[in-house]
PDB file of N, CA and C in Angstrom:
ATOM      1  N   UNK A   1     215.015 -74.207  30.942  1.00  0.00           N
ATOM      2  CA  UNK A   1     215.778 -72.704  30.357  1.00  0.00           C
ATOM      3  C   UNK A   1     215.496 -71.574  31.376  1.00  0.00           C
ATOM      4  N   UNK A   2     214.362 -71.816  32.292  1.00  0.00           N
ATOM      5  CA  UNK A   2     213.670 -70.523  33.030  1.00  0.00           C
ATOM      6  C   UNK A   2     215.071 -70.023  33.994  1.00  0.00           C
ATOM      7  N   UNK A   3     215.620 -70.995  34.753  1.00  0.00           N
ATOM      8  CA  UNK A   3     216.325 -70.008  35.632  1.00  0.00           C
ATOM      9  C   UNK A   3     217.972 -69.778  34.834  1.00  0.00           C
ATOM     10  N   UNK A   4     217.966 -69.950  33.953  1.00  0.00           N
ATOM     11  CA  UNK A   4     219.456 -69.432  33.089  1.00  0.00           C
ATOM     12  C   UNK A   4     218.938 -68.053  32.732  1.00  0.00           C
ATOM     13  N   UNK A   5     217.948 -67.714  32.911  1.00  0.00           N
ATOM     14  CA  UNK A   5     217.030 -66.455  32.071  1.00  0.00           C
ATOM     15  C   UNK A   5     217.491 -65.603  33.365  1.00  0.00           C
ATOM     16  N   UNK A   6     217.779 -65.797  34.395  1.00  0.00           N
ATOM     17  CA  UNK A   6     217.952 -64.611  35.389  1.00  0.00           C
ATOM     18  C   UNK A   6     219.172 -63.647  35.094  1.00  0.00           C
ATOM     19  N   UNK A   7     220.484 -64.120  34.677  1.00  0.00           N
ATOM     20  CA  UNK A   7     221.357 -63.539  33.977  1.00  0.00           C
ATOM     21  C   UNK A   7     221.061 -62.301  33.308  1.00  0.00           C
ATOM     22  N   UNK A   8     219.563 -62.455  32.521  1.00  0.00           N
ATOM     23  CA  UNK A   8     219.325 -61.370  31.364  1.00  0.00           C
ATOM     24  C   UNK A   8     218.100 -60.445  32.189  1.00  0.00           C
ATOM     25  N   UNK A   9     217.853 -60.622  33.247  1.00  0.00           N
ATOM     26  CA  UNK A   9     216.915 -59.672  33.874  1.00  0.00           C
ATOM     27  C   UNK A   9     217.622 -58.257  33.819  1.00  0.00           C
ATOM     28  N   UNK A  10     216.899 -57.401  33.410  1.00  0.00           N
ATOM     29  CA  UNK A  10     216.987 -55.784  33.059  1.00  0.00           C
ATOM     30  C   UNK A  10     218.342 -55.490  32.119  1.00  0.00           C
ATOM     31  N   UNK A  11     218.223 -56.680  31.075  1.00  0.00           N
ATOM     32  CA  UNK A  11     219.139 -56.430  29.947  1.00  0.00           C
ATOM     33  C   UNK A  11     218.315 -56.365  28.544  1.00  0.00           C
ATOM     34  N   UNK A  12     218.973 -55.957  27.674  1.00  0.00           N
ATOM     35  CA  UNK A  12     218.450 -55.766  26.119  1.00  0.00           C
ATOM     36  C   UNK A  12     218.566 -57.173  25.693  1.00  0.00           C
ATOM     37  N   UNK A  13     217.336 -57.950  25.490  1.00  0.00           N
ATOM     38  CA  UNK A  13     217.629 -59.092  24.888  1.00  0.00           C
ATOM     39  C   UNK A  13     216.999 -59.197  23.257  1.00  0.00           C
ATOM     40  N   UNK A  14     217.212 -60.199  22.600  1.00  0.00           N
ATOM     41  CA  UNK A  14     216.873 -60.519  21.152  1.00  0.00           C
ATOM     42  C   UNK A  14     215.910 -61.936  21.778  1.00  0.00           C
ATOM     43  N   UNK A  15     214.910 -62.233  21.034  1.00  0.00           N
ATOM     44  CA  UNK A  15     213.889 -63.312  21.181  1.00  0.00           C
ATOM     45  C   UNK A  15     213.247 -63.955  19.766  1.00  0.00           C
ATOM     46  N   UNK A  16     213.698 -64.811  19.520  1.00  0.00           N
ATOM     47  CA  UNK A  16     212.831 -65.541  18.159  1.00  0.00           C
ATOM     48  C   UNK A  16     211.650 -66.474  18.752  1.00  0.00           C
ATOM     49  N   UNK A  17     210.350 -66.357  18.308  1.00  0.00           N
ATOM     50  CA  UNK A  17     209.499 -67.040  18.219  1.00  0.00           C
ATOM     51  C   UNK A  17     209.726 -68.412  17.241  1.00  0.00           C
ATOM     52  N   UNK A  18     208.588 -69.372  17.827  1.00  0.00           N
ATOM     53  CA  UNK A  18     208.519 -70.377  16.793  1.00  0.00           C
ATOM     54  C   UNK A  18     207.730 -70.235  15.560  1.00  0.00           C
ATOM     55  N   UNK A  19     207.108 -69.054  15.125  1.00  0.00           N
ATOM     56  CA  UNK A  19     206.600 -68.483  14.098  1.00  0.00           C
ATOM     57  C   UNK A  19     207.534 -67.497  13.360  1.00  0.00           C
ATOM     58  N   UNK A  20     208.533 -67.178  13.729  1.00  0.00           N
ATOM     59  CA  UNK A  20     209.760 -66.559  13.176  1.00  0.00           C
ATOM     60  C   UNK A  20     209.635 -65.218  13.089  1.00  0.00           C
ATOM     61  N   UNK A  21     208.915 -65.103  14.300  1.00  0.00           N
ATOM     62  CA  UNK A  21     208.874 -63.565  14.842  1.00  0.00           C
ATOM     63  C   UNK A  21     210.085 -63.015  15.649  1.00  0.00           C
ATOM     64  N   UNK A  22     210.770 -61.745  15.673  1.00  0.00           N
ATOM     65  CA  UNK A  22     211.861 -61.123  16.117  1.00  0.00           C
ATOM     66  C   UNK A  22     211.429 -60.087  16.871  1.00  0.00           C
ATOM     67  N   UNK A  23     211.779 -60.285  18.317  1.00  0.00           N
ATOM     68  CA  UNK A  23     211.510 -59.190  19.134  1.00  0.00           C
ATOM     69  C   UNK A  23     212.784 -58.648  20.115  1.00  0.00           C
ATOM     70  N   UNK A  24     212.624 -57.368  20.300  1.00  0.00           N
ATOM     71  CA  UNK A  24     213.733 -57.261  20.908  1.00  0.00           C
ATOM     72  C   UNK A  24     213.253 -55.935  22.261  1.00  0.00           C
ATOM     73  N   UNK A  25     213.723 -56.105  23.237  1.00  0.00           N
ATOM     74  CA  UNK A  25     213.203 -55.574  24.395  1.00  0.00           C
ATOM     75  C   UNK A  25     214.306 -56.027  25.485  1.00  0.00           C
ATOM     76  N   UNK A  26     213.498 -55.296  26.734  1.00  0.00           N
ATOM     77  CA  UNK A  26     214.256 -55.272  28.437  1.00  0.00           C
ATOM     78  C   UNK A  26     213.470 -56.589  28.736  1.00  0.00           C
ATOM     79  N   UNK A  27     214.422 -57.428  29.090  1.00  0.00           N
ATOM     80  CA  UNK A  27     213.668 -58.646  29.831  1.00  0.00           C
ATOM     81  C   UNK A  27     213.339 -57.820  31.877  1.00  0.00           C
ATOM     82  N   UNK A  28     212.185 -57.929  31.690  1.00  0.00           N
ATOM     83  CA  UNK A  28     211.480 -57.720  33.091  1.00  0.00           C
ATOM     84  C   UNK A  28     211.525 -58.727  34.010  1.00  0.00           C
ATOM     85  N   UNK A  29     211.089 -59.799  33.318  1.00  0.00           N
ATOM     86  CA  UNK A  29     210.563 -60.706  34.021  1.00  0.00           C
ATOM     87  C   UNK A  29     210.155 -62.098  33.328  1.00  0.00           C
ATOM     88  N   UNK A  30     210.245 -63.338  34.066  1.00  0.00           N
ATOM     89  CA  UNK A  30     209.848 -65.028  33.474  1.00  0.00           C
ATOM     90  C   UNK A  30     209.423 -65.408  34.588  1.00  0.00           C
ATOM     91  N   UNK A  31     208.820 -66.502  34.144  1.00  0.00           N
ATOM     92  CA  UNK A  31     208.526 -67.736  34.954  1.00  0.00           C
ATOM     93  C   UNK A  31     208.980 -69.213  34.494  1.00  0.00           C
ATOM     94  N   UNK A  32     208.135 -70.025  35.070  1.00  0.00           N
ATOM     95  CA  UNK A  32     209.227 -71.716  35.263  1.00  0.00           C
ATOM     96  C   UNK A  32     208.612 -72.073  33.927  1.00  0.00           C
ATOM     97  N   UNK A  33     207.545 -71.374  33.068  1.00  0.00           N
ATOM     98  CA  UNK A  33     207.176 -72.028  31.619  1.00  0.00           C
ATOM     99  C   UNK A  33     207.810 -71.142  30.812  1.00  0.00           C
ATOM    100  N   UNK A  34     208.595 -70.009  31.100  1.00  0.00           N
ATOM    101  CA  UNK A  34     209.648 -69.348  30.279  1.00  0.00           C
ATOM    102  C   UNK A  34     208.836 -68.166  29.715  1.00  0.00           C
ATOM    103  N   UNK A  35     207.581 -68.149  30.036  1.00  0.00           N
ATOM    104  CA  UNK A  35     207.201 -67.096  29.599  1.00  0.00           C
ATOM    105  C   UNK A  35     207.829 -65.723  29.985  1.00  0.00           C
ATOM    106  N   UNK A  36     207.712 -64.823  28.539  1.00  0.00           N
ATOM    107  CA  UNK A  36     208.887 -63.511  29.133  1.00  0.00           C
ATOM    108  C   UNK A  36     207.867 -62.408  29.308  1.00  0.00           C
ATOM    109  N   UNK A  37     208.355 -61.027  29.974  1.00  0.00           N
ATOM    110  CA  UNK A  37     208.065 -60.120  29.675  1.00  0.00           C
ATOM    111  C   UNK A  37     209.102 -59.012  29.297  1.00  0.00           C
ATOM    112  N   UNK A  38     208.299 -58.223  28.254  1.00  0.00           N
ATOM    113  CA  UNK A  38     209.719 -57.589  27.929  1.00  0.00           C
ATOM    114  C   UNK A  38     208.831 -55.781  27.603  1.00  0.00           C
ATOM    115  N   UNK A  39     209.615 -54.909  28.104  1.00  0.00           N
ATOM    116  CA  UNK A  39     209.535 -53.947  28.377  1.00  0.00           C
ATOM    117  C   UNK A  39     210.472 -53.197  27.296  1.00  0.00           C
ATOM    118  N   UNK A  40     209.487 -52.071  26.393  1.00  0.00           N
ATOM    119  CA  UNK A  40     210.095 -51.229  25.462  1.00  0.00           C
ATOM    120  C   UNK A  40     210.492 -52.073  24.238  1.00  0.00           C
ATOM    121  N   UNK A  41     209.250 -52.770  24.141  1.00  0.00           N
ATOM    122  CA  UNK A  41     209.374 -53.979  23.206  1.00  0.00           C
ATOM    123  C   UNK A  41     209.306 -53.552  21.669  1.00  0.00           C
ATOM    124  N   UNK A  42     210.264 -54.254  20.994  1.00  0.00           N
ATOM    125  CA  UNK A  42     210.054 -53.680  19.286  1.00  0.00           C
ATOM    126  C   UNK A  42     210.056 -55.384  18.743  1.00  0.00           C
ATOM    127  N   UNK A  43     208.827 -55.228  17.702  1.00  0.00           N
ATOM    128  CA  UNK A  43     209.094 -56.334  16.935  1.00  0.00           C
ATOM    129  C   UNK A  43     209.922 -56.229  15.314  1.00  0.00           C
ATOM    130  N   UNK A  44     210.815 -56.708  15.049  1.00  0.00           N
ATOM    131  CA  UNK A  44     211.254 -56.436  13.904  1.00  0.00           C
ATOM    132  C   UNK A  44     211.126 -57.480  12.840  1.00  0.00           C
ATOM    133  N   UNK A  45     210.307 -56.806  11.478  1.00  0.00           N
ATOM    134  CA  UNK A  45     210.035 -57.353  10.465  1.00  0.00           C
ATOM    135  C   UNK A  45     211.178 -57.033   9.181  1.00  0.00           C
ATOM    136  N   UNK A  46     211.384 -58.134   9.035  1.00  0.00           N
ATOM    137  CA  UNK A  46     212.767 -58.268   8.093  1.00  0.00           C
ATOM    138  C   UNK A  46     212.456 -58.264   6.256  1.00  0.00           C
ATOM    139  N   UNK A  47     212.869 -57.561   5.440  1.00  0.00           N
ATOM    140  CA  UNK A  47     212.327 -57.734   3.975  1.00  0.00           C
ATOM    141  C   UNK A  47     213.591 -57.855   3.448  1.00  0.00           C
ATOM    142  N   UNK A  48     213.226 -58.396   2.116  1.00  0.00           N
ATOM    143  CA  UNK A  48     214.252 -58.469   1.458  1.00  0.00           C
ATOM    144  C   UNK A  48     214.947 -57.723   0.418  1.00  0.00           C
ATOM    145  N   UNK A  49     213.990 -56.796   0.248  1.00  0.00           N
ATOM    146  CA  UNK A  49     213.795 -55.557  -0.996  1.00  0.00           C
ATOM    147  C   UNK A  49     213.860 -54.177  -0.127  1.00  0.00           C
ATOM    148  N   UNK A  50     213.992 -54.017   1.369  1.00  0.00           N
ATOM    149  CA  UNK A  50     214.026 -52.790   2.023  1.00  0.00           C
ATOM    150  C   UNK A  50     214.303 -53.008   3.409  1.00  0.00           C
ATOM    151  N   UNK A  51     214.426 -51.924   4.093  1.00  0.00           N
ATOM    152  CA  UNK A  51     215.019 -52.189   5.327  1.00  0.00           C
ATOM    153  C   UNK A  51     214.228 -52.961   6.384  1.00  0.00           C
ATOM    154  N   UNK A  52     214.807 -52.956   7.461  1.00  0.00           N
ATOM    155  CA  UNK A  52     214.222 -54.034   8.614  1.00  0.00           C
ATOM    156  C   UNK A  52     213.045 -52.728   8.996  1.00  0.00           C
ATOM    157  N   UNK A  53     211.684 -53.300   9.142  1.00  0.00           N
ATOM    158  CA  UNK A  53     210.755 -52.466   9.864  1.00  0.00           C
ATOM    159  C   UNK A  53     210.576 -52.741  11.593  1.00  0.00           C
ATOM    160  N   UNK A  54     210.843 -51.587  12.124  1.00  0.00           N
ATOM    161  CA  UNK A  54     210.209 -51.808  13.468  1.00  0.00           C
ATOM    162  C   UNK A  54     208.931 -51.388  14.019  1.00  0.00           C
ATOM    163  N   UNK A  55     208.135 -52.287  14.958  1.00  0.00           N
ATOM    164  CA  UNK A  55     206.920 -52.303  15.493  1.00  0.00           C
ATOM    165  C   UNK A  55     206.862 -51.907  16.508  1.00  0.00           C
ATOM    166  N   UNK A  56     206.819 -50.826  17.059  1.00  0.00           N
ATOM    167  CA  UNK A  56     206.577 -50.821  18.683  1.00  0.00           C
ATOM    168  C   UNK A  56     205.474 -51.487  19.531  1.00  0.00           C
ATOM    169  N   UNK A  57     205.976 -52.086  20.446  1.00  0.00           N
ATOM    170  CA  UNK A  57     204.784 -52.937  21.283  1.00  0.00           C
ATOM    171  C   UNK A  57     204.604 -52.717  22.510  1.00  0.00           C
ATOM    172  N   UNK A  58     205.980 -51.959  23.138  1.00  0.00           N
ATOM    173  CA  UNK A  58     205.561 -51.682  24.380  1.00  0.00           C
ATOM    174  C   UNK A  58     205.712 -52.382  25.347  1.00  0.00           C
ATOM    175  N   UNK A  59     204.940 -52.780  26.539  1.00  0.00           N
ATOM    176  CA  UNK A  59     205.171 -54.094  27.282  1.00  0.00           C
ATOM    177  C   UNK A  59     204.422 -55.143  26.643  1.00  0.00           C
ATOM    178  N   UNK A  60     205.359 -55.877  26.544  1.00  0.00           N
ATOM    179  CA  UNK A  60     204.716 -57.501  25.640  1.00  0.00           C
ATOM    180  C   UNK A  60     204.796 -58.696  26.410  1.00  0.00           C
ATOM    181  N   UNK A  61     204.308 -59.748  26.271  1.00  0.00           N
ATOM    182  CA  UNK A  61     204.352 -60.993  27.103  1.00  0.00           C
ATOM    183  C   UNK A  61     204.340 -62.049  25.673  1.00  0.00           C
ATOM    184  N   UNK A  62     205.911 -62.640  26.027  1.00  0.00           N
ATOM    185  CA  UNK A  62     205.841 -64.077  24.775  1.00  0.00           C
ATOM    186  C   UNK A  62     205.502 -65.213  25.479  1.00  0.00           C
ATOM    187  N   UNK A  63     204.726 -65.927  25.274  1.00  0.00           N
ATOM    188  CA  UNK A  63     204.194 -67.252  25.947  1.00  0.00           C
ATOM    189  C   UNK A  63     205.702 -68.304  25.861  1.00  0.00           C
ATOM    190  N   UNK A  64     205.686 -68.803  26.903  1.00  0.00           N
ATOM    191  CA  UNK A  64     207.194 -69.659  27.016  1.00  0.00           C
ATOM    192  C   UNK A  64     207.040 -70.730  25.571  1.00  0.00           C
ATOM    193  N   UNK A  65     206.049 -71.181  25.362  1.00  0.00           N
ATOM    194  CA  UNK A  65     205.696 -72.526  24.270  1.00  0.00           C
ATOM    195  C   UNK A  65     206.280 -71.738  22.757  1.00  0.00           C
ATOM    196  N   UNK A  66     206.083 -70.617  22.918  1.00  0.00           N
ATOM    197  CA  UNK A  66     206.561 -69.916  21.581  1.00  0.00           C
ATOM    198  C   UNK A  66     208.052 -69.571  21.258  1.00  0.00           C
ATOM    199  N   UNK A  67     208.801 -69.554  22.736  1.00  0.00           N
ATOM    200  CA  UNK A  67     210.396 -69.191  22.589  1.00  0.00           C
ATOM    201  C   UNK A  67     211.140 -70.366  22.044  1.00  0.00           C
ATOM    202  N   UNK A  68     211.763 -69.809  21.269  1.00  0.00           N
ATOM    203  CA  UNK A  68     213.006 -70.482  20.665  1.00  0.00           C
ATOM    204  C   UNK A  68     214.384 -70.202  20.955  1.00  0.00           C
ATOM    205  N   UNK A  69     214.375 -68.693  21.157  1.00  0.00           N
ATOM    206  CA  UNK A  69     215.970 -68.797  21.008  1.00  0.00           C
ATOM    207  C   UNK A  69     216.005 -66.903  22.069  1.00  0.00           C
ATOM    208  N   UNK A  70     216.558 -66.753  23.208  1.00  0.00           N
ATOM    209  CA  UNK A  70     216.889 -65.681  24.011  1.00  0.00           C
ATOM    210  C   UNK A  70     218.382 -65.473  24.188  1.00  0.00           C
ATOM    211  N   UNK A  71     218.517 -64.466  23.631  1.00  0.00           N
ATOM    212  CA  UNK A  71     220.182 -63.736  24.108  1.00  0.00           C
ATOM    213  C   UNK A  71     220.339 -62.182  24.077  1.00  0.00           C
ATOM    214  N   UNK A  72     221.430 -62.007  24.778  1.00  0.00           N
ATOM    215  CA  UNK A  72     221.430 -60.835  25.101  1.00  0.00           C
ATOM    216  C   UNK A  72     221.868 -59.941  24.047  1.00  0.00           C
ATOM    217  N   UNK A  73     221.578 -58.574  23.626  1.00  0.00           N
ATOM    218  CA  UNK A  73     221.598 -57.753  22.533  1.00  0.00           C
ATOM    219  C   UNK A  73     223.053 -56.511  22.814  1.00  0.00           C
ATOM    220  N   UNK A  74     224.027 -56.676  21.983  1.00  0.00           N
ATOM    221  CA  UNK A  74     225.004 -56.080  22.354  1.00  0.00           C
ATOM    222  C   UNK A  74     224.344 -54.343  21.486  1.00  0.00           C
ATOM    223  N   UNK A  75     223.853 -53.498  22.488  1.00  0.00           N
ATOM    224  CA  UNK A  75     223.334 -52.357  21.799  1.00  0.00           C
ATOM    225  C   UNK A  75     224.270 -51.582  20.836  1.00  0.00           C
ATOM    226  N   UNK A  76     225.616 -51.373  20.883  1.00  0.00           N
ATOM    227  CA  UNK A  76     226.524 -50.876  19.527  1.00  0.00           C
ATOM    228  C   UNK A  76     226.607 -51.548  18.370  1.00  0.00           C
ATOM    229  N   UNK A  77     226.315 -52.675  18.531  1.00  0.00           N
ATOM    230  CA  UNK A  77     226.413 -53.582  17.273  1.00  0.00           C
ATOM    231  C   UNK A  77     224.888 -53.507  16.560  1.00  0.00           C
ATOM    232  N   UNK A  78     223.843 -53.618  17.721  1.00  0.00           N
ATOM    233  CA  UNK A  78     222.340 -53.503  17.202  1.00  0.00           C
ATOM    234  C   UNK A  78     221.978 -52.241  16.377  1.00  0.00           C
ATOM    235  N   UNK A  79     222.659 -50.931  16.981  1.00  0.00           N
ATOM    236  CA  UNK A  79     222.496 -50.230  16.478  1.00  0.00           C
ATOM    237  C   UNK A  79     222.918 -49.806  15.047  1.00  0.00           C
ATOM    238  N   UNK A  80     224.080 -50.555  14.775  1.00  0.00           N
ATOM    239  CA  UNK A  80     224.789 -50.472  13.504  1.00  0.00           C
ATOM    240  C   UNK A  80     223.890 -51.290  12.396  1.00  0.00           C
ATOM    241  N   UNK A  81     223.066 -52.339  12.892  1.00  0.00           N
ATOM    242  CA  UNK A  81     222.393 -53.064  12.111  1.00  0.00           C
ATOM    243  C   UNK A  81     221.076 -52.547  11.352  1.00  0.00           C
ATOM    244  N   UNK A  82     220.500 -51.324  11.754  1.00  0.00           N
ATOM    245  CA  UNK A  82     219.479 -50.942  11.620  1.00  0.00           C
ATOM    246  C   UNK A  82     218.752 -50.646  10.008  1.00  0.00           C
ATOM    247  N   UNK A  83     219.615 -50.722   9.307  1.00  0.00           N
ATOM    248  CA  UNK A  83     219.433 -50.675   8.019  1.00  0.00           C
ATOM    249  C   UNK A  83     219.616 -52.171   7.060  1.00  0.00           C
ATOM    250  N   UNK A  84     219.405 -52.932   7.750  1.00  0.00           N
ATOM    251  CA  UNK A  84     219.931 -54.247   7.068  1.00  0.00           C
ATOM    252  C   UNK A  84     218.764 -54.910   6.634  1.00  0.00           C
ATOM    253  N   UNK A  85     219.082 -55.711   5.402  1.00  0.00           N
ATOM    254  CA  UNK A  85     217.886 -56.360   4.451  1.00  0.00           C
ATOM    255  C   UNK A  85     218.055 -57.673   4.314  1.00  0.00           C
ATOM    256  N   UNK A  86     216.975 -58.386   4.819  1.00  0.00           N
ATOM    257  CA  UNK A  86     217.226 -59.978   5.181  1.00  0.00           C
ATOM    258  C   UNK A  86     215.939 -60.594   4.623  1.00  0.00           C
ATOM    259  N   UNK A  87     215.702 -61.732   4.740  1.00  0.00           N
ATOM    260  CA  UNK A  87     214.510 -62.443   4.375  1.00  0.00           C
ATOM    261  C   UNK A  87     214.499 -63.067   5.785  1.00  0.00           C
ATOM    262  N   UNK A  88     212.532 -62.642   5.817  1.00  0.00           N
ATOM    263  CA  UNK A  88     212.150 -63.191   7.016  1.00  0.00           C
ATOM    264  C   UNK A  88     212.530 -64.777   7.719  1.00  0.00           C
ATOM    265  N   UNK A  89     212.820 -65.034   8.841  1.00  0.00           N
ATOM    266  CA  UNK A  89     212.824 -66.461   9.125  1.00  0.00           C
ATOM    267  C   UNK A  89     211.562 -67.177   9.131  1.00  0.00           C
ATOM    268  N   UNK A  90     211.585 -68.295   8.742  1.00  0.00           N
ATOM    269  CA  UNK A  90     210.379 -68.999   8.669  1.00  0.00           C
ATOM    270  C   UNK A  90     210.134 -69.565   9.759  1.00  0.00           C
ATOM    271  N   UNK A  91     208.657 -70.137  10.076  1.00  0.00           N
ATOM    272  CA  UNK A  91     208.126 -70.751  11.238  1.00  0.00           C
ATOM    273  C   UNK A  91     208.917 -72.226  11.404  1.00  0.00           C
ATOM    274  N   UNK A  92     209.240 -72.586  12.559  1.00  0.00           N
ATOM    275  CA  UNK A  92     209.906 -73.622  13.012  1.00  0.00           C
ATOM    276  C   UNK A  92     208.685 -74.894  13.540  1.00  0.00           C
ATOM    277  N   UNK A  93     209.081 -75.841  12.177  1.00  0.00           N
ATOM    278  CA  UNK A  93     208.322 -76.971  11.923  1.00  0.00           C
ATOM    279  C   UNK A  93     208.426 -77.962  12.757  1.00  0.00           C
ATOM    280  N   UNK A  94     208.065 -78.770  13.483  1.00  0.00           N
ATOM    281  CA  UNK A  94     208.283 -80.087  14.642  1.00  0.00           C
ATOM    282  C   UNK A  94     207.429 -81.179  14.556  1.00  0.00           C
TER     283      UNK A  94
END
């Protein structure tokens, strides 16, 4: 997966981890193990009965063995979803 991440350098990305955590930030770097460096990183915590909670993390490293999904974020669509209410993702079991 690592070589495919080059196209996302300096882009806003959405990362889902194995334990169901959701991170959004600017991808600044990665390595061959898919360890990710995110700048201006925010962790989104979803709740069923209240809007999404955003925790500011700043510069954050996500270990490659915890990465499930990486995708580019459309900022216009992302801004319009700030009040969303949803169930949190469950951890990946394998």
